[in-house]
C-alpha atoms as a PDB file:
ATOM      1  CA  MET A   1     -35.380  13.672  35.945  1.00  0.00           C
ATOM      2  CA  SER A   2     -36.535  13.778  39.295  1.00  0.00           C
ATOM      3  CA  TYR A   3     -35.282  14.088  42.926  1.00  0.00           C
ATOM      4  CA  LEU A   4     -36.392  12.637  46.243  1.00  0.00           C
ATOM      5  CA  PRO A   5     -38.398  14.925  48.350  1.00  0.00           C
ATOM      6  CA  TYR A   6     -36.045  16.689  50.963  1.00  0.00           C
ATOM      7  CA  SER A   7     -32.942  14.901  49.697  1.00  0.00           C
ATOM      8  CA  ARG A   8     -29.968  17.202  49.196  1.00  0.00           C
ATOM      9  CA  SER A   9     -28.038  14.872  46.758  1.00  0.00           C
ATOM     10  CA  ILE A  10     -27.175  16.397  43.519  1.00  0.00           C
ATOM     11  CA  VAL A  11     -27.881  13.269  41.593  1.00  0.00           C
ATOM     12  CA  PRO A  12     -31.465  12.819  40.294  1.00  0.00           C
ATOM     13  CA  VAL A  13     -33.184   9.492  41.282  1.00  0.00           C
ATOM     14  CA  ASP A  14     -33.560   8.622  37.508  1.00  0.00           C
ATOM     15  CA  GLY A  15     -32.584   9.845  34.009  1.00  0.00           C
ATOM     16  CA  PRO A  16     -29.315  10.175  32.154  1.00  0.00           C
ATOM     17  CA  VAL A  17     -27.402  11.547  34.990  1.00  0.00           C
ATOM     18  CA  ARG A  18     -28.445   8.751  37.394  1.00  0.00           C
ATOM     19  CA  TYR A  19     -27.599   6.231  34.890  1.00  0.00           C
ATOM     20  CA  LEU A  20     -24.039   7.651  34.306  1.00  0.00           C
ATOM     21  CA  TYR A  21     -23.445   7.891  37.911  1.00  0.00           C
ATOM     22  CA  ASN A  22     -24.266   4.143  38.550  1.00  0.00           C
ATOM     23  CA  LEU A  23     -22.173   3.450  35.365  1.00  0.00           C
ATOM     24  CA  ALA A  24     -19.152   5.124  36.701  1.00  0.00           C
ATOM     25  CA  ASN A  25     -19.380   3.414  40.021  1.00  0.00           C
ATOM     26  CA  ARG A  26     -19.960   0.005  38.521  1.00  0.00           C
ATOM     27  CA  THR A  27     -17.147   0.081  35.839  1.00  0.00           C
ATOM     28  CA  GLY A  28     -14.520   1.831  37.372  1.00  0.00           C
ATOM     29  CA  TYR A  29     -13.340   3.479  34.207  1.00  0.00           C
ATOM     30  CA  GLU A  30     -11.995   7.115  34.008  1.00  0.00           C
ATOM     31  CA  HIS A  31     -13.854   7.915  31.030  1.00  0.00           C
ATOM     32  CA  LYS A  32     -17.138   6.997  32.394  1.00  0.00           C
ATOM     33  CA  SER A  33     -16.378   9.305  35.429  1.00  0.00           C
ATOM     34  CA  VAL A  34     -15.570  12.078  32.973  1.00  0.00           C
ATOM     35  CA  LYS A  35     -18.791  11.453  31.276  1.00  0.00           C
ATOM     36  CA  PHE A  36     -21.010  11.538  34.370  1.00  0.00           C
ATOM     37  CA  TRP A  37     -19.467  14.833  35.559  1.00  0.00           C
ATOM     38  CA  SER A  38     -19.542  16.535  32.214  1.00  0.00           C
ATOM     39  CA  LEU A  39     -23.193  15.538  31.898  1.00  0.00           C
ATOM     40  CA  TRP A  40     -24.114  16.678  35.354  1.00  0.00           C
ATOM     41  CA  LEU A  41     -22.142  20.042  35.035  1.00  0.00           C
ATOM     42  CA  GLN A  42     -24.168  20.614  31.527  1.00  0.00           C
ATOM     43  CA  TYR A  43     -27.488  19.511  32.725  1.00  0.00           C
ATOM     44  CA  GLU A  44     -27.498  20.355  36.497  1.00  0.00           C
ATOM     45  CA  GLY A  45     -24.671  22.675  37.182  1.00  0.00           C
ATOM     46  CA  PHE A  46     -24.595  25.236  34.282  1.00  0.00           C
ATOM     47  CA  PRO A  47     -27.781  24.668  32.291  1.00  0.00           C
ATOM     48  CA  GLU A  48     -27.758  28.217  31.159  1.00  0.00           C
ATOM     49  CA  ARG A  49     -27.321  29.019  27.512  1.00  0.00           C
ATOM     50  CA  ASP A  50     -24.424  31.318  28.126  1.00  0.00           C
ATOM     51  CA  TRP A  51     -22.434  28.676  29.948  1.00  0.00           C
ATOM     52  CA  LEU A  52     -20.458  25.815  28.096  1.00  0.00           C
ATOM     53  CA  VAL A  53     -19.299  22.486  29.125  1.00  0.00           C
ATOM     54  CA  THR A  54     -16.434  20.936  26.985  1.00  0.00           C
ATOM     55  CA  THR A  55     -14.103  18.305  27.325  1.00  0.00           C
ATOM     56  CA  GLU A  56     -10.202  17.815  26.412  1.00  0.00           C
ATOM     57  CA  GLN A  57      -9.135  21.337  26.309  1.00  0.00           C
ATOM     58  CA  PRO A  58      -5.900  23.003  26.759  1.00  0.00           C
ATOM     59  CA  PRO A  59      -5.368  25.422  29.616  1.00  0.00           C
ATOM     60  CA  ASP A  60      -2.617  27.552  27.849  1.00  0.00           C
ATOM     61  CA  GLY A  61      -3.464  27.926  24.322  1.00  0.00           C
ATOM     62  CA  SER A  62      -4.268  25.653  21.336  1.00  0.00           C
ATOM     63  CA  GLU A  63      -0.560  25.055  20.767  1.00  0.00           C
ATOM     64  CA  SER A  64      -0.419  23.146  23.946  1.00  0.00           C
ATOM     65  CA  LEU A  65      -0.353  19.341  24.242  1.00  0.00           C
ATOM     66  CA  ARG A  66      -1.763  19.472  27.646  1.00  0.00           C
ATOM     67  CA  ARG A  67      -5.369  18.739  28.000  1.00  0.00           C
ATOM     68  CA  VAL A  68      -7.824  19.016  30.964  1.00  0.00           C
ATOM     69  CA  ASP A  69     -10.641  16.747  31.290  1.00  0.00           C
ATOM     70  CA  ILE A  70     -13.635  19.349  31.504  1.00  0.00           C
ATOM     71  CA  VAL A  71     -13.543  23.035  31.057  1.00  0.00           C
ATOM     72  CA  ILE A  72     -16.475  25.264  31.803  1.00  0.00           C
ATOM     73  CA  ASP A  73     -16.435  28.676  29.688  1.00  0.00           C
ATOM     74  CA  LYS A  74     -18.864  31.606  30.208  1.00  0.00           C
ATOM     75  CA  TYR A  75     -20.069  33.275  26.831  1.00  0.00           C
ATOM     76  CA  ASP A  76     -20.218  37.044  26.993  1.00  0.00           C
ATOM     77  CA  PRO A  77     -22.629  38.049  24.081  1.00  0.00           C
ATOM     78  CA  ASN A  78     -21.774  41.872  24.647  1.00  0.00           C
ATOM     79  CA  GLU A  79     -18.101  41.100  23.404  1.00  0.00           C
ATOM     80  CA  ASP A  80     -18.729  37.879  21.700  1.00  0.00           C
ATOM     81  CA  THR A  81     -16.028  36.266  23.723  1.00  0.00           C
ATOM     82  CA  LEU A  82     -15.511  32.847  25.745  1.00  0.00           C
ATOM     83  CA  SER A  83     -13.795  32.923  29.260  1.00  0.00           C
ATOM     84  CA  SER A  84     -12.717  29.651  30.972  1.00  0.00           C
ATOM     85  CA  VAL A  85     -13.804  29.919  34.451  1.00  0.00           C
ATOM     86  CA  VAL A  86     -13.566  26.263  36.058  1.00  0.00           C
ATOM     87  CA  TRP A  87     -10.979  23.487  35.210  1.00  0.00           C
ATOM     88  CA  VAL A  88     -11.969  19.882  36.224  1.00  0.00           C
ATOM     89  CA  GLU A  89      -9.568  17.040  36.536  1.00  0.00           C
ATOM     90  CA  ALA A  90     -11.046  13.569  37.085  1.00  0.00           C
ATOM     91  CA  LYS A  91      -9.867  10.175  38.149  1.00  0.00           C
ATOM     92  CA  LYS A  92     -11.575   6.787  38.106  1.00  0.00           C
ATOM     93  CA  PRO A  93     -13.036   5.360  41.287  1.00  0.00           C
ATOM     94  CA  GLY A  94     -10.243   4.307  43.612  1.00  0.00           C
ATOM     95  CA  GLY A  95      -7.705   6.834  41.517  1.00  0.00           C
ATOM     96  CA  ASP A  96      -4.888   8.617  43.364  1.00  0.00           C
ATOM     97  CA  TYR A  97      -6.116  11.834  45.267  1.00  0.00           C
ATOM     98  CA  ASN A  98      -2.587  13.396  45.244  1.00  0.00           C
ATOM     99  CA  THR A  99      -2.295  12.804  41.521  1.00  0.00           C
ATOM    100  CA  VAL A 100      -5.516  14.412  40.297  1.00  0.00           C
ATOM    101  CA  TYR A 101      -4.780  17.361  43.033  1.00  0.00           C
ATOM    102  CA  LEU A 102      -1.324  18.054  41.310  1.00  0.00           C
ATOM    103  CA  GLN A 103      -3.059  17.879  37.843  1.00  0.00           C
ATOM    104  CA  GLY A 104      -5.582  20.403  39.043  1.00  0.00           C
ATOM    105  CA  LEU A 105      -3.065  22.559  40.392  1.00  0.00           C
ATOM    106  CA  ASP A 106      -0.998  22.508  37.089  1.00  0.00           C
ATOM    107  CA  ALA A 107      -4.243  23.213  35.097  1.00  0.00           C
ATOM    108  CA  GLY A 108      -4.874  26.013  37.196  1.00  0.00           C
ATOM    109  CA  GLN A 109      -1.365  27.761  37.122  1.00  0.00           C
ATOM    110  CA  ARG A 110      -1.178  26.998  33.336  1.00  0.00           C
ATOM    111  CA  ALA A 111      -4.709  28.938  32.880  1.00  0.00           C
ATOM    112  CA  ILE A 112      -3.738  31.950  35.269  1.00  0.00           C
ATOM    113  CA  ASP A 113      -0.228  32.152  33.392  1.00  0.00           C
ATOM    114  CA  TYR A 114      -1.820  32.187  29.904  1.00  0.00           C
ATOM    115  CA  ASP A 115      -4.964  34.306  30.594  1.00  0.00           C
ATOM    116  CA  GLY A 116      -3.195  36.655  33.243  1.00  0.00           C
ATOM    117  CA  LEU A 117      -5.843  35.997  35.788  1.00  0.00           C
ATOM    118  CA  TYR A 118      -5.900  36.856  39.494  1.00  0.00           C
ATOM    119  CA  GLY A 119      -6.982  33.354  40.145  1.00  0.00           C
ATOM    120  CA  VAL A 120      -9.193  30.380  38.970  1.00  0.00           C
ATOM    121  CA  TYR A 121     -11.593  27.680  40.125  1.00  0.00           C
ATOM    122  CA  VAL A 122     -10.641  23.892  39.926  1.00  0.00           C
ATOM    123  CA  VAL A 123     -12.675  20.996  40.733  1.00  0.00           C
ATOM    124  CA  THR A 124     -10.886  17.556  41.108  1.00  0.00           C
ATOM    125  CA  THR A 125     -12.937  14.234  41.143  1.00  0.00           C
ATOM    126  CA  VAL A 126     -12.185  10.764  41.958  1.00  0.00           C
ATOM    127  CA  GLY A 127     -14.865   8.713  40.537  1.00  0.00           C
ATOM    128  CA  THR A 128     -18.261  10.182  41.696  1.00  0.00           C
ATOM    129  CA  ALA A 129     -16.590  12.312  44.597  1.00  0.00           C
ATOM    130  CA  PHE A 130     -15.598  15.831  44.179  1.00  0.00           C
ATOM    131  CA  CYS A 131     -13.623  18.527  45.885  1.00  0.00           C
ATOM    132  CA  MET A 132     -13.812  22.220  44.759  1.00  0.00           C
ATOM    133  CA  TRP A 133     -10.835  24.572  45.140  1.00  0.00           C
ATOM    134  CA  TYR A 134      -9.684  28.180  44.423  1.00  0.00           C
ATOM    135  CA  LEU A 135      -6.041  28.926  43.106  1.00  0.00           C
ATOM    136  CA  LYS A 136      -4.906  32.375  43.495  1.00  0.00           C
ATOM    137  CA  ALA A 137      -2.127  33.732  41.222  1.00  0.00           C
ATOM    138  CA  GLY A 138       1.310  33.107  42.516  1.00  0.00           C
ATOM    139  CA  ARG A 139       0.261  30.504  45.055  1.00  0.00           C
ATOM    140  CA  LYS A 140       1.632  26.863  45.043  1.00  0.00           C
ATOM    141  CA  GLN A 141      -1.344  25.319  46.821  1.00  0.00           C
ATOM    142  CA  LEU A 142      -5.166  24.911  46.027  1.00  0.00           C
ATOM    143  CA  THR A 143      -7.547  26.255  48.639  1.00  0.00           C
ATOM    144  CA  PRO A 144     -10.492  23.850  49.273  1.00  0.00           C
ATOM    145  CA  LEU A 145     -13.828  25.532  48.963  1.00  0.00           C
ATOM    146  CA  ASN A 146     -15.918  22.755  50.645  1.00  0.00           C
ATOM    147  CA  GLY A 147     -13.697  21.594  53.402  1.00  0.00           C
ATOM    148  CA  PRO A 148     -10.634  19.381  53.018  1.00  0.00           C
ATOM    149  CA  GLY A 149     -12.498  16.043  52.099  1.00  0.00           C
ATOM    150  CA  TYR A 150     -14.125  14.716  49.120  1.00  0.00           C
ATOM    151  CA  ILE A 151     -17.869  14.436  48.834  1.00  0.00           C
ATOM    152  CA  ASP A 152     -19.765  11.858  46.903  1.00  0.00           C
ATOM    153  CA  ALA A 153     -22.223  13.340  44.340  1.00  0.00           C
ATOM    154  CA  ASP A 154     -25.081  11.242  45.819  1.00  0.00           C
ATOM    155  CA  SER A 155     -24.924  12.168  49.400  1.00  0.00           C
ATOM    156  CA  GLU A 156     -26.565  14.707  51.591  1.00  0.00           C
ATOM    157  CA  GLU A 157     -23.231  16.803  51.575  1.00  0.00           C
ATOM    158  CA  SER A 158     -23.130  17.017  47.973  1.00  0.00           C
ATOM    159  CA  HIS A 159     -25.353  20.159  47.802  1.00  0.00           C
ATOM    160  CA  VAL A 160     -22.340  22.180  48.692  1.00  0.00           C
ATOM    161  CA  MET A 161     -21.622  21.801  44.952  1.00  0.00           C
ATOM    162  CA  ILE A 162     -24.805  23.787  44.130  1.00  0.00           C
ATOM    163  CA  GLU A 163     -23.845  26.349  46.520  1.00  0.00           C
ATOM    164  CA  GLY A 164     -20.246  26.347  45.146  1.00  0.00           C
ATOM    165  CA  ILE A 165     -21.421  26.979  41.607  1.00  0.00           C
ATOM    166  CA  ALA A 166     -23.688  29.698  42.551  1.00  0.00           C
ATOM    167  CA  ALA A 167     -20.692  31.505  44.180  1.00  0.00           C
ATOM    168  CA  ILE A 168     -18.729  30.798  41.051  1.00  0.00           C
ATOM    169  CA  LYS A 169     -21.145  32.595  38.851  1.00  0.00           C
ATOM    170  CA  GLY A 170     -21.218  35.303  41.141  1.00  0.00           C
ATOM    171  CA  SER A 171     -17.420  35.857  41.134  1.00  0.00           C
ATOM    172  CA  PRO A 172     -15.910  34.639  37.900  1.00  0.00           C
ATOM    173  CA  PRO A 173     -12.181  34.994  37.536  1.00  0.00           C
ATOM    174  CA  PHE A 174     -10.797  38.632  36.707  1.00  0.00           C
ATOM    175  CA  ARG A 175      -7.926  39.232  34.366  1.00  0.00           C
ATOM    176  CA  VAL A 176      -4.993  41.284  35.837  1.00  0.00           C
ATOM    177  CA  ALA A 177      -5.475  44.234  33.444  1.00  0.00           C
ATOM    178  CA  PRO A 178      -6.035  46.379  31.503  1.00  0.00           C
ATOM    179  CA  THR A 179      -8.926  44.402  30.229  1.00  0.00           C
ATOM    180  CA  ILE A 180     -10.960  41.313  31.615  1.00  0.00           C
ATOM    181  CA  PRO A 181     -13.215  38.692  30.056  1.00  0.00           C
ATOM    182  CA  SER A 182     -16.671  39.927  30.718  1.00  0.00           C
ATOM    183  CA  GLN A 183     -17.159  42.220  33.659  1.00  0.00           C
ATOM    184  CA  PRO A 184     -16.014  45.417  35.220  1.00  0.00           C
ATOM    185  CA  LEU A 185     -13.002  45.620  37.464  1.00  0.00           C
ATOM    186  CA  PRO A 186     -13.910  44.748  41.055  1.00  0.00           C
ATOM    187  CA  ALA A 187     -14.144  47.403  43.632  1.00  0.00           C
ATOM    188  CA  LEU A 188     -11.984  45.183  46.160  1.00  0.00           C
ATOM    189  CA  ASP A 189      -8.264  45.154  46.136  1.00  0.00           C
ATOM    190  CA  ALA A 190      -7.087  43.396  42.971  1.00  0.00           C
ATOM    191  CA  GLN A 191      -5.172  40.885  45.121  1.00  0.00           C
ATOM    192  CA  GLU A 192      -8.013  39.773  47.123  1.00  0.00           C
ATOM    193  CA  THR A 193      -9.703  36.797  46.325  1.00  0.00           C
ATOM    194  CA  PRO A 194     -13.362  37.284  44.969  1.00  0.00           C
ATOM    195  CA  ASP A 195     -15.965  37.380  47.628  1.00  0.00           C
ATOM    196  CA  HIS A 196     -18.026  34.128  48.226  1.00  0.00           C
ATOM    197  CA  GLY A 197     -20.277  35.621  50.819  1.00  0.00           C
ATOM    198  CA  ALA A 198     -21.518  33.176  53.315  1.00  0.00           C
ATOM    199  CA  TRP A 199     -20.816  29.804  51.310  1.00  0.00           C
ATOM    200  CA  VAL A 200     -19.977  27.173  53.821  1.00  0.00           C
ATOM    201  CA  GLY A 201     -20.482  29.661  56.571  1.00  0.00           C
ATOM    202  CA  THR A 202     -17.070  31.378  57.033  1.00  0.00           C
ATOM    203  CA  ASP A 203     -15.045  33.932  55.295  1.00  0.00           C
ATOM    204  CA  MET A 204     -14.088  31.476  52.547  1.00  0.00           C
ATOM    205  CA  VAL A 205     -10.947  32.261  50.914  1.00  0.00           C
ATOM    206  CA  SER A 206      -8.263  34.561  51.763  1.00  0.00           C
ATOM    207  CA  ASP A 207      -4.304  34.826  51.730  1.00  0.00           C
ATOM    208  CA  GLN A 208      -4.393  33.384  55.119  1.00  0.00           C
ATOM    209  CA  GLN A 209      -6.696  30.493  54.424  1.00  0.00           C
ATOM    210  CA  ILE A 210      -4.317  28.568  52.236  1.00  0.00           C
ATOM    211  CA  TRP A 211      -5.147  24.856  53.365  1.00  0.00           C
ATOM    212  CA  ALA A 212      -4.028  21.837  51.155  1.00  0.00           C
ATOM    213  CA  GLY A 213      -4.403  19.676  54.368  1.00  0.00           C
ATOM    214  CA  GLN A 214      -0.624  19.035  55.032  1.00  0.00           C
ATOM    215  CA  ASP A 215       0.563  16.206  57.416  1.00  0.00           C
ATOM    216  CA  ASP A 216       3.659  16.505  59.426  1.00  0.00           C
ATOM    217  CA  ASN A 217       5.986  15.263  56.640  1.00  0.00           C
ATOM    218  CA  GLY A 218       4.425  17.597  53.984  1.00  0.00           C
ATOM    219  CA  GLN A 219       3.043  14.790  52.136  1.00  0.00           C
ATOM    220  CA  GLY A 220      -0.704  15.882  52.010  1.00  0.00           C
ATOM    221  CA  MET A 221      -3.938  15.370  53.961  1.00  0.00           C
ATOM    222  CA  ARG A 222      -5.493  12.004  54.174  1.00  0.00           C
ATOM    223  CA  ASP A 223      -9.126  11.654  53.573  1.00  0.00           C
ATOM    224  CA  GLU A 224     -11.558   9.047  55.214  1.00  0.00           C
ATOM    225  CA  GLN A 225     -10.082   6.308  52.782  1.00  0.00           C
ATOM    226  CA  GLY A 226      -6.666   6.986  53.646  1.00  0.00           C
ATOM    227  CA  GLN A 227      -5.835   8.747  50.345  1.00  0.00           C
ATOM    228  CA  SER A 228      -3.792  11.756  50.381  1.00  0.00           C
ATOM    229  CA  TYR A 229      -4.026  15.060  48.315  1.00  0.00           C
ATOM    230  CA  GLY A 230      -2.176  18.151  48.138  1.00  0.00           C
ATOM    231  CA  GLN A 231       1.598  18.509  48.609  1.00  0.00           C
ATOM    232  CA  LEU A 232       3.665  21.108  50.216  1.00  0.00           C
ATOM    233  CA  PRO A 233       6.631  22.226  48.083  1.00  0.00           C
ATOM    234  CA  GLN A 234       9.807  20.808  49.401  1.00  0.00           C
ATOM    235  CA  GLU A 235      11.406  24.161  50.433  1.00  0.00           C
ATOM    236  CA  GLU A 236       8.208  24.869  52.562  1.00  0.00           C
ATOM    237  CA  GLY A 237       8.057  21.604  54.611  1.00  0.00           C
ATOM    238  CA  HIS A 238       8.146  21.453  58.281  1.00  0.00           C
ATOM    239  CA  ASP A 239      11.031  22.794  60.332  1.00  0.00           C
ATOM    240  CA  GLN A 240      12.199  21.521  63.564  1.00  0.00           C
ATOM    241  CA  GLN A 241      13.994  24.588  64.571  1.00  0.00           C
ATOM    242  CA  GLU A 242      12.521  26.227  67.313  1.00  0.00           C
ATOM    243  CA  PRO A 243      10.793  29.578  67.100  1.00  0.00           C
ATOM    244  CA  ASP A 244      12.220  32.574  69.161  1.00  0.00           C
ATOM    245  CA  LEU A 245       9.203  33.021  71.236  1.00  0.00           C
ATOM    246  CA  GLY A 246       8.817  36.771  72.113  1.00  0.00           C
ATOM    247  CA  PRO A 247       7.251  38.269  75.161  1.00  0.00           C
ATOM    248  CA  SER A 248       3.756  37.971  73.656  1.00  0.00           C
ATOM    249  CA  GLY A 249       4.231  34.199  73.030  1.00  0.00           C
ATOM    250  CA  ALA A 250       1.525  33.021  75.195  1.00  0.00           C
ATOM    251  CA  GLY A 251      -0.781  30.684  73.809  1.00  0.00           C
ATOM    252  CA  SER A 252      -1.889  27.109  75.472  1.00  0.00           C
ATOM    253  CA  SER A 253      -0.444  26.193  78.688  1.00  0.00           C
ATOM    254  CA  GLY A 254       2.906  24.331  78.610  1.00  0.00           C
ATOM    255  CA  GLY A 255       6.511  26.158  78.197  1.00  0.00           C
ATOM    256  CA  SER A 256       9.467  25.193  76.044  1.00  0.00           C
ATOM    257  CA  THR A 257      11.776  22.579  77.191  1.00  0.00           C
ATOM    258  CA  PRO A 258      14.983  20.993  75.434  1.00  0.00           C
ATOM    259  CA  SER A 259      12.527  18.040  74.532  1.00  0.00           C
ATOM    260  CA  THR A 260       9.902  20.247  72.878  1.00  0.00           C
ATOM    261  CA  LYS A 261       9.557  19.697  69.261  1.00  0.00           C
ATOM    262  CA  TYR A 262       8.073  22.306  66.953  1.00  0.00           C
ATOM    263  CA  HIS A 263       5.990  21.628  63.913  1.00  0.00           C
ATOM    264  CA  ARG A 264       4.932  23.975  60.995  1.00  0.00           C
ATOM    265  CA  VAL A 265       1.202  23.476  60.306  1.00  0.00           C
ATOM    266  CA  GLN A 266      -1.579  25.054  58.046  1.00  0.00           C
ATOM    267  CA  VAL A 267      -4.693  26.237  60.050  1.00  0.00           C
ATOM    268  CA  VAL A 268      -8.253  26.365  58.739  1.00  0.00           C
ATOM    269  CA  LYS A 269     -11.250  27.990  60.413  1.00  0.00           C
ATOM    270  CA  LYS A 270     -14.208  25.392  60.469  1.00  0.00           C
ATOM    271  CA  GLY A 271     -17.970  25.570  61.577  1.00  0.00           C
ATOM    272  CA  PHE A 272     -20.454  27.954  60.366  1.00  0.00           C
ATOM    273  CA  LEU A 273     -19.361  30.765  62.766  1.00  0.00           C
ATOM    274  CA  GLY A 274     -15.621  30.022  62.037  1.00  0.00           C
ATOM    275  CA  SER A 275     -14.818  29.579  65.618  1.00  0.00           C
ATOM    276  CA  ASP A 276     -12.779  26.487  65.445  1.00  0.00           C
ATOM    277  CA  TYR A 277      -9.092  26.734  64.342  1.00  0.00           C
ATOM    278  CA  CYS A 278      -8.126  23.425  62.952  1.00  0.00           C
ATOM    279  CA  PHE A 279      -4.915  21.639  61.988  1.00  0.00           C
ATOM    280  CA  GLN A 280      -3.343  18.369  61.794  1.00  0.00           C
ATOM    281  CA  ASP A 281      -0.705  17.580  64.401  1.00  0.00           C
ATOM    282  CA  HIS A 282       2.350  15.436  64.038  1.00  0.00           C
ATOM    283  CA  ARG A 283       0.524  12.319  64.198  1.00  0.00           C
ATOM    284  CA  GLY A 284      -1.995  13.250  61.492  1.00  0.00           C
ATOM    285  CA  LYS A 285      -4.944  13.759  63.974  1.00  0.00           C
ATOM    286  CA  GLU A 286      -7.111  16.800  63.664  1.00  0.00           C
ATOM    287  CA  ARG A 287      -6.895  19.267  66.453  1.00  0.00           C
ATOM    288  CA  LYS A 288      -9.506  21.716  67.150  1.00  0.00           C
ATOM    289  CA  THR A 289      -8.501  25.037  68.850  1.00  0.00           C
ATOM    290  CA  LYS A 290      -9.822  28.555  69.561  1.00  0.00           C
ATOM    291  CA  LYS A 291      -7.913  31.723  68.494  1.00  0.00           C
ATOM    292  CA  SER A 292      -7.134  32.486  72.098  1.00  0.00           C
ATOM    293  CA  ASP A 293      -5.198  29.194  72.288  1.00  0.00           C
ATOM    294  CA  TRP A 294      -2.619  30.865  69.729  1.00  0.00           C
ATOM    295  CA  GLY A 295       0.282  33.167  70.996  1.00  0.00           C
ATOM    296  CA  LYS A 296       2.581  35.466  69.077  1.00  0.00           C
ATOM    297  CA  GLY A 297       6.274  34.406  68.730  1.00  0.00           C
ATOM    298  CA  LYS A 298       9.088  34.742  66.293  1.00  0.00           C
ATOM    299  CA  TYR A 299      10.627  32.493  63.696  1.00  0.00           C
ATOM    300  CA  LYS A 300      13.661  33.618  61.634  1.00  0.00           C
ATOM    301  CA  GLY A 301      12.834  37.063  62.155  1.00  0.00           C
ATOM    302  CA  GLN A 302       9.313  36.769  61.274  1.00  0.00           C
ATOM    303  CA  ARG A 303       6.059  36.882  63.263  1.00  0.00           C
ATOM    304  CA  VAL A 304       4.484  33.358  63.735  1.00  0.00           C
ATOM    305  CA  TRP A 305       1.610  32.152  65.868  1.00  0.00           C
ATOM    306  CA  VAL A 306       2.296  29.305  68.147  1.00  0.00           C
ATOM    307  CA  TYR A 307       0.053  26.697  69.907  1.00  0.00           C
ATOM    308  CA  LYS A 308       1.827  24.874  72.914  1.00  0.00           C
ATOM    309  CA  GLY A 309       0.677  21.395  73.321  1.00  0.00           C
ATOM    310  CA  GLY A 310       2.974  19.384  75.817  1.00  0.00           C
ATOM    311  CA  HIS A 311       6.198  18.397  74.316  1.00  0.00           C
ATOM    312  CA  ASN A 312       4.960  19.265  70.757  1.00  0.00           C
ATOM    313  CA  HIS A 313       4.317  22.871  69.922  1.00  0.00           C
ATOM    314  CA  TYR A 314       2.787  23.816  66.610  1.00  0.00           C
ATOM    315  CA  TYR A 315       3.314  27.274  64.739  1.00  0.00           C
ATOM    316  CA  THR A 316       1.977  28.864  61.599  1.00  0.00           C
ATOM    317  CA  ASN A 317       2.621  32.082  59.585  1.00  0.00           C
ATOM    318  CA  GLU A 318      -1.053  33.121  59.487  1.00  0.00           C
ATOM    319  CA  LEU A 319      -3.991  32.454  61.235  1.00  0.00           C
ATOM    320  CA  PRO A 320      -7.335  32.614  59.196  1.00  0.00           C
END
């Protein structure tokens, strides 16, 4: 297998991985997509002898009938144990983004509950495009690790998968206690997400960066092809009740009027310096703001951050 000079695509120009990539796109069958990703993960992503890539495995014990398309395990020769690190759910080209998101979320939640983990890594794929996620114990949403969109494996942007895998290998999931799969307890607070360093250029994952790309109806973010993925639980949907803005509720220009509508949003930092605070407005369009654009306010007795934009104001419980 070989790669084009200066190309950042993760798919070689020849060999079995390239063959399966073309086959998955040409045939449109789900099992062809699973075969491509399982071979790529085995050959390119986790080629080391102590990493195992298997298919059709249960996330919650051998008695379970639930099966996950691809599972990546880490072998510990000192303890002679296997620890599941990454759960991969796949769909055929043109498959439903929201369905595979929910399947990945379910697999992650089952694995966390069964193994007693602080969190797990999840990868969802639609055809030959992927999105990498982290799920923290107790959360109802996946946090995207490579931005909110899907990336095709044979694109310049796909190299983020290599960077993500390096971060995963450096921060495998930890068990809650008193024992863990293969590594000593972390020095950080047990409730924190493993540190991913400078991967994609910002403080990667934290309690305040839960971003499953919600639109104003709580139906999930739409990618470039108009597919949606990620769904906000019904009880956490948008609420039009106006927050009670306190004296510190500054934010962008524009005050509250009887016609002002309030929209609950999720905010994510973007850019290598993390200087852009982005969210989707009530029309589904992305807005870029600065932290200084957000002012403090109160909603149902809790502190919120408010961004004032004309007759539509936006609020969030946390800023990244």
